[in-house]
mmCIF file of all heavy atoms, coordinates in Angstrom:
data_MODEL
# 
_entry.id   MODEL 
# 
loop_
_atom_site.group_PDB 
_atom_site.id 
_atom_site.type_symbol 
_atom_site.label_atom_id 
_atom_site.label_alt_id 
_atom_site.label_comp_id 
_atom_site.label_asym_id 
_atom_site.label_entity_id 
_atom_site.label_seq_id 
_atom_site.pdbx_PDB_ins_code 
_atom_site.Cartn_x 
_atom_site.Cartn_y 
_atom_site.Cartn_z 
_atom_site.occupancy 
_atom_site.B_iso_or_equiv 
_atom_site.pdbx_formal_charge 
_atom_site.auth_seq_id 
_atom_site.auth_comp_id 
_atom_site.auth_asym_id 
_atom_site.auth_atom_id 
_atom_site.pdbx_PDB_model_num 
ATOM 1   N N   . CYS A 1 1  ? 101.130 90.716  100.932 1.00 0.00 ? 1  CYS A N   1 
ATOM 2   C CA  . CYS A 1 1  ? 100.390 90.775  99.680  1.00 0.00 ? 1  CYS A CA  1 
ATOM 3   C C   . CYS A 1 1  ? 100.548 89.461  98.947  1.00 0.00 ? 1  CYS A C   1 
ATOM 4   O O   . CYS A 1 1  ? 101.353 88.618  99.331  1.00 0.00 ? 1  CYS A O   1 
ATOM 5   C CB  . CYS A 1 1  ? 100.858 91.945  98.821  1.00 0.00 ? 1  CYS A CB  1 
ATOM 6   S SG  . CYS A 1 1  ? 102.438 91.645  98.033  1.00 0.00 ? 1  CYS A SG  1 
ATOM 7   N N   . HIS A 1 2  ? 99.805  89.267  97.890  1.00 0.00 ? 2  HIS A N   1 
ATOM 8   C CA  . HIS A 1 2  ? 99.842  88.001  97.150  1.00 0.00 ? 2  HIS A CA  1 
ATOM 9   C C   . HIS A 1 2  ? 100.694 88.100  95.897  1.00 0.00 ? 2  HIS A C   1 
ATOM 10  O O   . HIS A 1 2  ? 100.571 87.282  95.007  1.00 0.00 ? 2  HIS A O   1 
ATOM 11  C CB  . HIS A 1 2  ? 98.405  87.597  96.782  1.00 0.00 ? 2  HIS A CB  1 
ATOM 12  C CG  . HIS A 1 2  ? 97.544  87.387  97.986  1.00 0.00 ? 2  HIS A CG  1 
ATOM 13  N ND1 . HIS A 1 2  ? 97.691  86.310  98.830  1.00 0.00 ? 2  HIS A ND1 1 
ATOM 14  C CD2 . HIS A 1 2  ? 96.537  88.155  98.498  1.00 0.00 ? 2  HIS A CD2 1 
ATOM 15  C CE1 . HIS A 1 2  ? 96.791  86.397  99.812  1.00 0.00 ? 2  HIS A CE1 1 
ATOM 16  N NE2 . HIS A 1 2  ? 96.090  87.513  99.632  1.00 0.00 ? 2  HIS A NE2 1 
ATOM 17  N N   . CYS A 1 3  ? 101.543 89.158  95.814  1.00 0.00 ? 3  CYS A N   1 
ATOM 18  C CA  . CYS A 1 3  ? 102.414 89.315  94.641  1.00 0.00 ? 3  CYS A CA  1 
ATOM 19  C C   . CYS A 1 3  ? 103.563 88.344  94.714  1.00 0.00 ? 3  CYS A C   1 
ATOM 20  O O   . CYS A 1 3  ? 103.950 87.878  95.796  1.00 0.00 ? 3  CYS A O   1 
ATOM 21  C CB  . CYS A 1 3  ? 102.952 90.744  94.567  1.00 0.00 ? 3  CYS A CB  1 
ATOM 22  S SG  . CYS A 1 3  ? 101.667 91.991  94.547  1.00 0.00 ? 3  CYS A SG  1 
ATOM 23  N N   . GLU A 1 4  ? 104.127 88.050  93.566  1.00 0.00 ? 4  GLU A N   1 
ATOM 24  C CA  . GLU A 1 4  ? 105.320 87.227  93.520  1.00 0.00 ? 4  GLU A CA  1 
ATOM 25  C C   . GLU A 1 4  ? 106.493 88.032  94.073  1.00 0.00 ? 4  GLU A C   1 
ATOM 26  O O   . GLU A 1 4  ? 106.654 89.203  93.739  1.00 0.00 ? 4  GLU A O   1 
ATOM 27  C CB  . GLU A 1 4  ? 105.621 86.794  92.087  1.00 0.00 ? 4  GLU A CB  1 
ATOM 28  C CG  . GLU A 1 4  ? 104.618 85.808  91.519  1.00 0.00 ? 4  GLU A CG  1 
ATOM 29  C CD  . GLU A 1 4  ? 104.654 84.483  92.245  1.00 0.00 ? 4  GLU A CD  1 
ATOM 30  O OE1 . GLU A 1 4  ? 105.749 84.086  92.691  1.00 0.00 ? 4  GLU A OE1 1 
ATOM 31  O OE2 . GLU A 1 4  ? 103.591 83.856  92.396  1.00 0.00 ? 4  GLU A OE2 1 
ATOM 32  N N   . PRO A 1 5  ? 107.342 87.445  94.922  1.00 0.00 ? 5  PRO A N   1 
ATOM 33  C CA  . PRO A 1 5  ? 108.500 88.193  95.448  1.00 0.00 ? 5  PRO A CA  1 
ATOM 34  C C   . PRO A 1 5  ? 109.469 88.554  94.335  1.00 0.00 ? 5  PRO A C   1 
ATOM 35  O O   . PRO A 1 5  ? 109.600 87.840  93.352  1.00 0.00 ? 5  PRO A O   1 
ATOM 36  C CB  . PRO A 1 5  ? 109.129 87.214  96.452  1.00 0.00 ? 5  PRO A CB  1 
ATOM 37  C CG  . PRO A 1 5  ? 108.648 85.866  96.039  1.00 0.00 ? 5  PRO A CG  1 
ATOM 38  C CD  . PRO A 1 5  ? 107.273 86.071  95.463  1.00 0.00 ? 5  PRO A CD  1 
ATOM 39  N N   . VAL A 1 6  ? 110.142 89.684  94.519  1.00 0.00 ? 6  VAL A N   1 
ATOM 40  C CA  . VAL A 1 6  ? 111.122 90.172  93.545  1.00 0.00 ? 6  VAL A CA  1 
ATOM 41  C C   . VAL A 1 6  ? 112.511 89.792  94.016  1.00 0.00 ? 6  VAL A C   1 
ATOM 42  O O   . VAL A 1 6  ? 112.857 90.005  95.180  1.00 0.00 ? 6  VAL A O   1 
ATOM 43  C CB  . VAL A 1 6  ? 111.022 91.702  93.397  1.00 0.00 ? 6  VAL A CB  1 
ATOM 44  C CG1 . VAL A 1 6  ? 112.045 92.201  92.400  1.00 0.00 ? 6  VAL A CG1 1 
ATOM 45  C CG2 . VAL A 1 6  ? 109.616 92.095  92.944  1.00 0.00 ? 6  VAL A CG2 1 
ATOM 46  N N   . THR A 1 7  ? 113.304 89.220  93.151  1.00 0.00 ? 7  THR A N   1 
ATOM 47  C CA  . THR A 1 7  ? 114.682 88.864  93.484  1.00 0.00 ? 7  THR A CA  1 
ATOM 48  C C   . THR A 1 7  ? 115.637 89.788  92.778  1.00 0.00 ? 7  THR A C   1 
ATOM 49  O O   . THR A 1 7  ? 115.266 90.542  91.886  1.00 0.00 ? 7  THR A O   1 
ATOM 50  C CB  . THR A 1 7  ? 114.979 87.405  93.066  1.00 0.00 ? 7  THR A CB  1 
ATOM 51  O OG1 . THR A 1 7  ? 114.950 87.345  91.638  1.00 0.00 ? 7  THR A OG1 1 
ATOM 52  C CG2 . THR A 1 7  ? 113.938 86.458  93.638  1.00 0.00 ? 7  THR A CG2 1 
ATOM 53  N N   . CYS A 1 8  ? 116.927 89.700  93.165  1.00 0.00 ? 8  CYS A N   1 
ATOM 54  C CA  . CYS A 1 8  ? 117.950 90.527  92.521  1.00 0.00 ? 8  CYS A CA  1 
ATOM 55  C C   . CYS A 1 8  ? 118.014 90.236  91.027  1.00 0.00 ? 8  CYS A C   1 
ATOM 56  O O   . CYS A 1 8  ? 118.311 91.114  90.224  1.00 0.00 ? 8  CYS A O   1 
ATOM 57  C CB  . CYS A 1 8  ? 119.314 90.281  93.165  1.00 0.00 ? 8  CYS A CB  1 
ATOM 58  S SG  . CYS A 1 8  ? 119.497 91.045  94.782  1.00 0.00 ? 8  CYS A SG  1 
ATOM 59  N N   . GLN A 1 9  ? 117.748 88.973  90.661  1.00 0.00 ? 9  GLN A N   1 
ATOM 60  C CA  . GLN A 1 9  ? 117.840 88.632  89.250  1.00 0.00 ? 9  GLN A CA  1 
ATOM 61  C C   . GLN A 1 9  ? 116.748 89.309  88.438  1.00 0.00 ? 9  GLN A C   1 
ATOM 62  O O   . GLN A 1 9  ? 116.855 89.470  87.224  1.00 0.00 ? 9  GLN A O   1 
ATOM 63  C CB  . GLN A 1 9  ? 117.744 87.102  89.074  1.00 0.00 ? 9  GLN A CB  1 
ATOM 64  C CG  . GLN A 1 9  ? 118.993 86.347  89.528  1.00 0.00 ? 9  GLN A CG  1 
ATOM 65  C CD  . GLN A 1 9  ? 119.075 86.231  91.041  1.00 0.00 ? 9  GLN A CD  1 
ATOM 66  O OE1 . GLN A 1 9  ? 118.087 86.460  91.743  1.00 0.00 ? 9  GLN A OE1 1 
ATOM 67  N NE2 . GLN A 1 9  ? 120.250 85.874  91.548  1.00 0.00 ? 9  GLN A NE2 1 
ATOM 68  N N   . ASP A 1 10 ? 115.644 89.721  89.102  1.00 0.00 ? 10 ASP A N   1 
ATOM 69  C CA  . ASP A 1 10 ? 114.551 90.365  88.389  1.00 0.00 ? 10 ASP A CA  1 
ATOM 70  C C   . ASP A 1 10 ? 114.800 91.847  88.141  1.00 0.00 ? 10 ASP A C   1 
ATOM 71  O O   . ASP A 1 10 ? 114.083 92.477  87.381  1.00 0.00 ? 10 ASP A O   1 
ATOM 72  C CB  . ASP A 1 10 ? 113.253 90.228  89.180  1.00 0.00 ? 10 ASP A CB  1 
ATOM 73  C CG  . ASP A 1 10 ? 112.846 88.768  89.325  1.00 0.00 ? 10 ASP A CG  1 
ATOM 74  O OD1 . ASP A 1 10 ? 112.994 88.039  88.333  1.00 0.00 ? 10 ASP A OD1 1 
ATOM 75  O OD2 . ASP A 1 10 ? 112.415 88.395  90.416  1.00 0.00 ? 10 ASP A OD2 1 
ATOM 76  N N   . ILE A 1 11 ? 115.796 92.411  88.833  1.00 0.00 ? 11 ILE A N   1 
ATOM 77  C CA  . ILE A 1 11 ? 116.042 93.845  88.727  1.00 0.00 ? 11 ILE A CA  1 
ATOM 78  C C   . ILE A 1 11 ? 117.032 94.097  87.603  1.00 0.00 ? 11 ILE A C   1 
ATOM 79  O O   . ILE A 1 11 ? 118.191 93.718  87.693  1.00 0.00 ? 11 ILE A O   1 
ATOM 80  C CB  . ILE A 1 11 ? 116.588 94.402  90.047  1.00 0.00 ? 11 ILE A CB  1 
ATOM 81  C CG1 . ILE A 1 11 ? 115.608 94.109  91.181  1.00 0.00 ? 11 ILE A CG1 1 
ATOM 82  C CG2 . ILE A 1 11 ? 116.848 95.897  89.937  1.00 0.00 ? 11 ILE A CG2 1 
ATOM 83  C CD1 . ILE A 1 11 ? 116.153 94.430  92.547  1.00 0.00 ? 11 ILE A CD1 1 
ATOM 84  N N   . VAL A 1 12 ? 116.582 94.675  86.518  1.00 0.00 ? 12 VAL A N   1 
ATOM 85  C CA  . VAL A 1 12 ? 117.438 94.955  85.367  1.00 0.00 ? 12 VAL A CA  1 
ATOM 86  C C   . VAL A 1 12 ? 117.793 96.439  85.374  1.00 0.00 ? 12 VAL A C   1 
ATOM 87  O O   . VAL A 1 12 ? 116.897 97.277  85.324  1.00 0.00 ? 12 VAL A O   1 
ATOM 88  C CB  . VAL A 1 12 ? 116.734 94.602  84.041  1.00 0.00 ? 12 VAL A CB  1 
ATOM 89  C CG1 . VAL A 1 12 ? 117.648 94.920  82.866  1.00 0.00 ? 12 VAL A CG1 1 
ATOM 90  C CG2 . VAL A 1 12 ? 116.333 93.137  84.056  1.00 0.00 ? 12 VAL A CG2 1 
ATOM 91  N N   . PRO A 1 13 ? 119.074 96.788  85.495  1.00 0.00 ? 13 PRO A N   1 
ATOM 92  C CA  . PRO A 1 13 ? 119.430 98.210  85.538  1.00 0.00 ? 13 PRO A CA  1 
ATOM 93  C C   . PRO A 1 13 ? 119.053 98.915  84.240  1.00 0.00 ? 13 PRO A C   1 
ATOM 94  O O   . PRO A 1 13 ? 119.170 98.356  83.160  1.00 0.00 ? 13 PRO A O   1 
ATOM 95  C CB  . PRO A 1 13 ? 120.957 98.183  85.726  1.00 0.00 ? 13 PRO A CB  1 
ATOM 96  C CG  . PRO A 1 13 ? 121.392 96.836  85.225  1.00 0.00 ? 13 PRO A CG  1 
ATOM 97  C CD  . PRO A 1 13 ? 120.253 95.913  85.524  1.00 0.00 ? 13 PRO A CD  1 
ATOM 98  N N   . THR A 1 14 ? 118.555 100.116 84.379  1.00 0.00 ? 14 THR A N   1 
ATOM 99  C CA  . THR A 1 14 ? 118.196 100.909 83.217  1.00 0.00 ? 14 THR A CA  1 
ATOM 100 C C   . THR A 1 14 ? 119.440 101.537 82.619  1.00 0.00 ? 14 THR A C   1 
ATOM 101 O O   . THR A 1 14 ? 120.177 102.230 83.321  1.00 0.00 ? 14 THR A O   1 
ATOM 102 C CB  . THR A 1 14 ? 117.206 102.020 83.614  1.00 0.00 ? 14 THR A CB  1 
ATOM 103 O OG1 . THR A 1 14 ? 116.060 101.418 84.205  1.00 0.00 ? 14 THR A OG1 1 
ATOM 104 C CG2 . THR A 1 14 ? 116.803 102.833 82.399  1.00 0.00 ? 14 THR A CG2 1 
ATOM 105 N N   . PRO A 1 15 ? 119.728 101.285 81.336  1.00 0.00 ? 15 PRO A N   1 
ATOM 106 C CA  . PRO A 1 15 ? 120.917 101.901 80.739  1.00 0.00 ? 15 PRO A CA  1 
ATOM 107 C C   . PRO A 1 15 ? 120.785 103.417 80.738  1.00 0.00 ? 15 PRO A C   1 
ATOM 108 O O   . PRO A 1 15 ? 119.701 103.960 80.557  1.00 0.00 ? 15 PRO A O   1 
ATOM 109 C CB  . PRO A 1 15 ? 120.934 101.335 79.309  1.00 0.00 ? 15 PRO A CB  1 
ATOM 110 C CG  . PRO A 1 15 ? 119.530 100.873 79.071  1.00 0.00 ? 15 PRO A CG  1 
ATOM 111 C CD  . PRO A 1 15 ? 118.983 100.461 80.383  1.00 0.00 ? 15 PRO A CD  1 
ATOM 112 N N   . GLN A 1 16 ? 121.903 104.079 80.932  1.00 0.00 ? 16 GLN A N   1 
ATOM 113 C CA  . GLN A 1 16 ? 121.893 105.531 81.011  1.00 0.00 ? 16 GLN A CA  1 
ATOM 114 C C   . GLN A 1 16 ? 122.315 106.165 79.691  1.00 0.00 ? 16 GLN A C   1 
ATOM 115 O O   . GLN A 1 16 ? 123.242 105.706 79.042  1.00 0.00 ? 16 GLN A O   1 
ATOM 116 C CB  . GLN A 1 16 ? 122.835 106.005 82.115  1.00 0.00 ? 16 GLN A CB  1 
ATOM 117 C CG  . GLN A 1 16 ? 122.291 105.764 83.516  1.00 0.00 ? 16 GLN A CG  1 
ATOM 118 C CD  . GLN A 1 16 ? 123.084 106.533 84.557  1.00 0.00 ? 16 GLN A CD  1 
ATOM 119 O OE1 . GLN A 1 16 ? 124.258 106.814 84.378  1.00 0.00 ? 16 GLN A OE1 1 
ATOM 120 N NE2 . GLN A 1 16 ? 122.436 106.881 85.646  1.00 0.00 ? 16 GLN A NE2 1 
ATOM 121 N N   . ILE A 1 17 ? 121.598 107.209 79.302  1.00 0.00 ? 17 ILE A N   1 
ATOM 122 C CA  . ILE A 1 17 ? 121.950 108.047 78.163  1.00 0.00 ? 17 ILE A CA  1 
ATOM 123 C C   . ILE A 1 17 ? 122.099 109.455 78.711  1.00 0.00 ? 17 ILE A C   1 
ATOM 124 O O   . ILE A 1 17 ? 121.169 110.012 79.284  1.00 0.00 ? 17 ILE A O   1 
ATOM 125 C CB  . ILE A 1 17 ? 120.875 107.996 77.066  1.00 0.00 ? 17 ILE A CB  1 
ATOM 126 C CG1 . ILE A 1 17 ? 120.707 106.550 76.562  1.00 0.00 ? 17 ILE A CG1 1 
ATOM 127 C CG2 . ILE A 1 17 ? 121.241 108.917 75.911  1.00 0.00 ? 17 ILE A CG2 1 
ATOM 128 C CD1 . ILE A 1 17 ? 119.553 106.379 75.597  1.00 0.00 ? 17 ILE A CD1 1 
ATOM 129 N N   . ILE A 1 18 ? 123.288 110.023 78.586  1.00 0.00 ? 18 ILE A N   1 
ATOM 130 C CA  . ILE A 1 18 ? 123.603 111.289 79.239  1.00 0.00 ? 18 ILE A CA  1 
ATOM 131 C C   . ILE A 1 18 ? 123.798 112.374 78.184  1.00 0.00 ? 18 ILE A C   1 
ATOM 132 O O   . ILE A 1 18 ? 124.660 112.265 77.306  1.00 0.00 ? 18 ILE A O   1 
ATOM 133 C CB  . ILE A 1 18 ? 124.878 111.166 80.102  1.00 0.00 ? 18 ILE A CB  1 
ATOM 134 C CG1 . ILE A 1 18 ? 124.699 110.057 81.153  1.00 0.00 ? 18 ILE A CG1 1 
ATOM 135 C CG2 . ILE A 1 18 ? 125.210 112.481 80.780  1.00 0.00 ? 18 ILE A CG2 1 
ATOM 136 C CD1 . ILE A 1 18 ? 125.935 109.777 81.953  1.00 0.00 ? 18 ILE A CD1 1 
ATOM 137 N N   . LEU A 1 19 ? 122.999 113.436 78.276  1.00 0.00 ? 19 LEU A N   1 
ATOM 138 C CA  . LEU A 1 19 ? 123.113 114.598 77.397  1.00 0.00 ? 19 LEU A CA  1 
ATOM 139 C C   . LEU A 1 19 ? 123.879 115.694 78.123  1.00 0.00 ? 19 LEU A C   1 
ATOM 140 O O   . LEU A 1 19 ? 123.907 115.731 79.355  1.00 0.00 ? 19 LEU A O   1 
ATOM 141 C CB  . LEU A 1 19 ? 121.727 115.114 76.997  1.00 0.00 ? 19 LEU A CB  1 
ATOM 142 C CG  . LEU A 1 19 ? 121.019 114.424 75.831  1.00 0.00 ? 19 LEU A CG  1 
ATOM 143 C CD1 . LEU A 1 19 ? 120.682 112.988 76.170  1.00 0.00 ? 19 LEU A CD1 1 
ATOM 144 C CD2 . LEU A 1 19 ? 119.750 115.177 75.452  1.00 0.00 ? 19 LEU A CD2 1 
ATOM 145 N N   . PRO A 1 20 ? 124.496 116.632 77.379  1.00 0.00 ? 20 PRO A N   1 
ATOM 146 C CA  . PRO A 1 20 ? 125.106 117.798 78.031  1.00 0.00 ? 20 PRO A CA  1 
ATOM 147 C C   . PRO A 1 20 ? 124.050 118.569 78.815  1.00 0.00 ? 20 PRO A C   1 
ATOM 148 O O   . PRO A 1 20 ? 122.933 118.772 78.332  1.00 0.00 ? 20 PRO A O   1 
ATOM 149 C CB  . PRO A 1 20 ? 125.639 118.621 76.847  1.00 0.00 ? 20 PRO A CB  1 
ATOM 150 C CG  . PRO A 1 20 ? 125.773 117.644 75.729  1.00 0.00 ? 20 PRO A CG  1 
ATOM 151 C CD  . PRO A 1 20 ? 124.674 116.650 75.927  1.00 0.00 ? 20 PRO A CD  1 
ATOM 152 N N   . MET A 1 21 ? 124.404 118.981 80.022  1.00 0.00 ? 21 MET A N   1 
ATOM 153 C CA  . MET A 1 21 ? 123.438 119.632 80.892  1.00 0.00 ? 21 MET A CA  1 
ATOM 154 C C   . MET A 1 21 ? 123.881 121.038 81.259  1.00 0.00 ? 21 MET A C   1 
ATOM 155 O O   . MET A 1 21 ? 125.079 121.331 81.361  1.00 0.00 ? 21 MET A O   1 
ATOM 156 C CB  . MET A 1 21 ? 123.242 118.812 82.180  1.00 0.00 ? 21 MET A CB  1 
ATOM 157 C CG  . MET A 1 21 ? 122.862 117.354 81.940  1.00 0.00 ? 21 MET A CG  1 
ATOM 158 S SD  . MET A 1 21 ? 121.273 117.145 81.099  1.00 0.00 ? 21 MET A SD  1 
ATOM 159 C CE  . MET A 1 21 ? 120.162 117.573 82.417  1.00 0.00 ? 21 MET A CE  1 
ATOM 160 N N   . VAL A 1 22 ? 122.887 121.910 81.468  1.00 0.00 ? 22 VAL A N   1 
ATOM 161 C CA  . VAL A 1 22 ? 123.144 123.253 81.977  1.00 0.00 ? 22 VAL A CA  1 
ATOM 162 C C   . VAL A 1 22 ? 123.015 123.197 83.494  1.00 0.00 ? 22 VAL A C   1 
ATOM 163 O O   . VAL A 1 22 ? 121.946 122.866 84.013  1.00 0.00 ? 22 VAL A O   1 
ATOM 164 C CB  . VAL A 1 22 ? 122.133 124.265 81.419  1.00 0.00 ? 22 VAL A CB  1 
ATOM 165 C CG1 . VAL A 1 22 ? 122.374 125.636 82.015  1.00 0.00 ? 22 VAL A CG1 1 
ATOM 166 C CG2 . VAL A 1 22 ? 122.225 124.323 79.899  1.00 0.00 ? 22 VAL A CG2 1 
ATOM 167 N N   . PRO A 1 23 ? 124.086 123.470 84.241  1.00 0.00 ? 23 PRO A N   1 
ATOM 168 C CA  . PRO A 1 23 ? 123.994 123.376 85.702  1.00 0.00 ? 23 PRO A CA  1 
ATOM 169 C C   . PRO A 1 23 ? 123.043 124.410 86.276  1.00 0.00 ? 23 PRO A C   1 
ATOM 170 O O   . PRO A 1 23 ? 122.887 125.504 85.742  1.00 0.00 ? 23 PRO A O   1 
ATOM 171 C CB  . PRO A 1 23 ? 125.439 123.632 86.150  1.00 0.00 ? 23 PRO A CB  1 
ATOM 172 C CG  . PRO A 1 23 ? 126.061 124.384 85.034  1.00 0.00 ? 23 PRO A CG  1 
ATOM 173 C CD  . PRO A 1 23 ? 125.400 123.904 83.773  1.00 0.00 ? 23 PRO A CD  1 
ATOM 174 N N   . ALA A 1 24 ? 122.397 124.044 87.383  1.00 0.00 ? 24 ALA A N   1 
ATOM 175 C CA  . ALA A 1 24 ? 121.443 124.949 88.040  1.00 0.00 ? 24 ALA A CA  1 
ATOM 176 C C   . ALA A 1 24 ? 122.203 125.888 88.963  1.00 0.00 ? 24 ALA A C   1 
ATOM 177 O O   . ALA A 1 24 ? 122.275 125.686 90.169  1.00 0.00 ? 24 ALA A O   1 
ATOM 178 C CB  . ALA A 1 24 ? 120.412 124.149 88.819  1.00 0.00 ? 24 ALA A CB  1 
ATOM 179 N N   . VAL A 1 25 ? 122.804 126.922 88.378  1.00 0.00 ? 25 VAL A N   1 
ATOM 180 C CA  . VAL A 1 25 ? 123.611 127.839 89.172  1.00 0.00 ? 25 VAL A CA  1 
ATOM 181 C C   . VAL A 1 25 ? 122.790 128.994 89.713  1.00 0.00 ? 25 VAL A C   1 
ATOM 182 O O   . VAL A 1 25 ? 123.155 129.632 90.688  1.00 0.00 ? 25 VAL A O   1 
ATOM 183 C CB  . VAL A 1 25 ? 124.786 128.385 88.333  1.00 0.00 ? 25 VAL A CB  1 
ATOM 184 C CG1 . VAL A 1 25 ? 125.745 127.275 87.985  1.00 0.00 ? 25 VAL A CG1 1 
ATOM 185 C CG2 . VAL A 1 25 ? 124.280 129.064 87.061  1.00 0.00 ? 25 VAL A CG2 1 
ATOM 186 N N   . VAL A 1 26 ? 121.655 129.307 89.063  1.00 0.00 ? 26 VAL A N   1 
ATOM 187 C CA  . VAL A 1 26 ? 120.832 130.424 89.513  1.00 0.00 ? 26 VAL A CA  1 
ATOM 188 C C   . VAL A 1 26 ? 119.936 130.007 90.669  1.00 0.00 ? 26 VAL A C   1 
ATOM 189 O O   . VAL A 1 26 ? 119.848 130.668 91.696  1.00 0.00 ? 26 VAL A O   1 
ATOM 190 C CB  . VAL A 1 26 ? 119.988 130.966 88.348  1.00 0.00 ? 26 VAL A CB  1 
ATOM 191 C CG1 . VAL A 1 26 ? 119.104 132.102 88.834  1.00 0.00 ? 26 VAL A CG1 1 
ATOM 192 C CG2 . VAL A 1 26 ? 120.896 131.444 87.218  1.00 0.00 ? 26 VAL A CG2 1 
ATOM 193 N N   . ALA A 1 27 ? 119.255 128.898 90.508  1.00 0.00 ? 27 ALA A N   1 
ATOM 194 C CA  . ALA A 1 27 ? 118.370 128.393 91.551  1.00 0.00 ? 27 ALA A CA  1 
ATOM 195 C C   . ALA A 1 27 ? 118.729 126.937 91.832  1.00 0.00 ? 27 ALA A C   1 
ATOM 196 O O   . ALA A 1 27 ? 118.361 126.052 91.062  1.00 0.00 ? 27 ALA A O   1 
ATOM 197 C CB  . ALA A 1 27 ? 116.914 128.504 91.113  1.00 0.00 ? 27 ALA A CB  1 
# 
């Protein structure tokens, strides 16, 4: 393809925001 190549420096990790979760114990 004619896209610009992606390097490791271009990959910015998405910061995580974690809420309390209800585990899927039923299904």
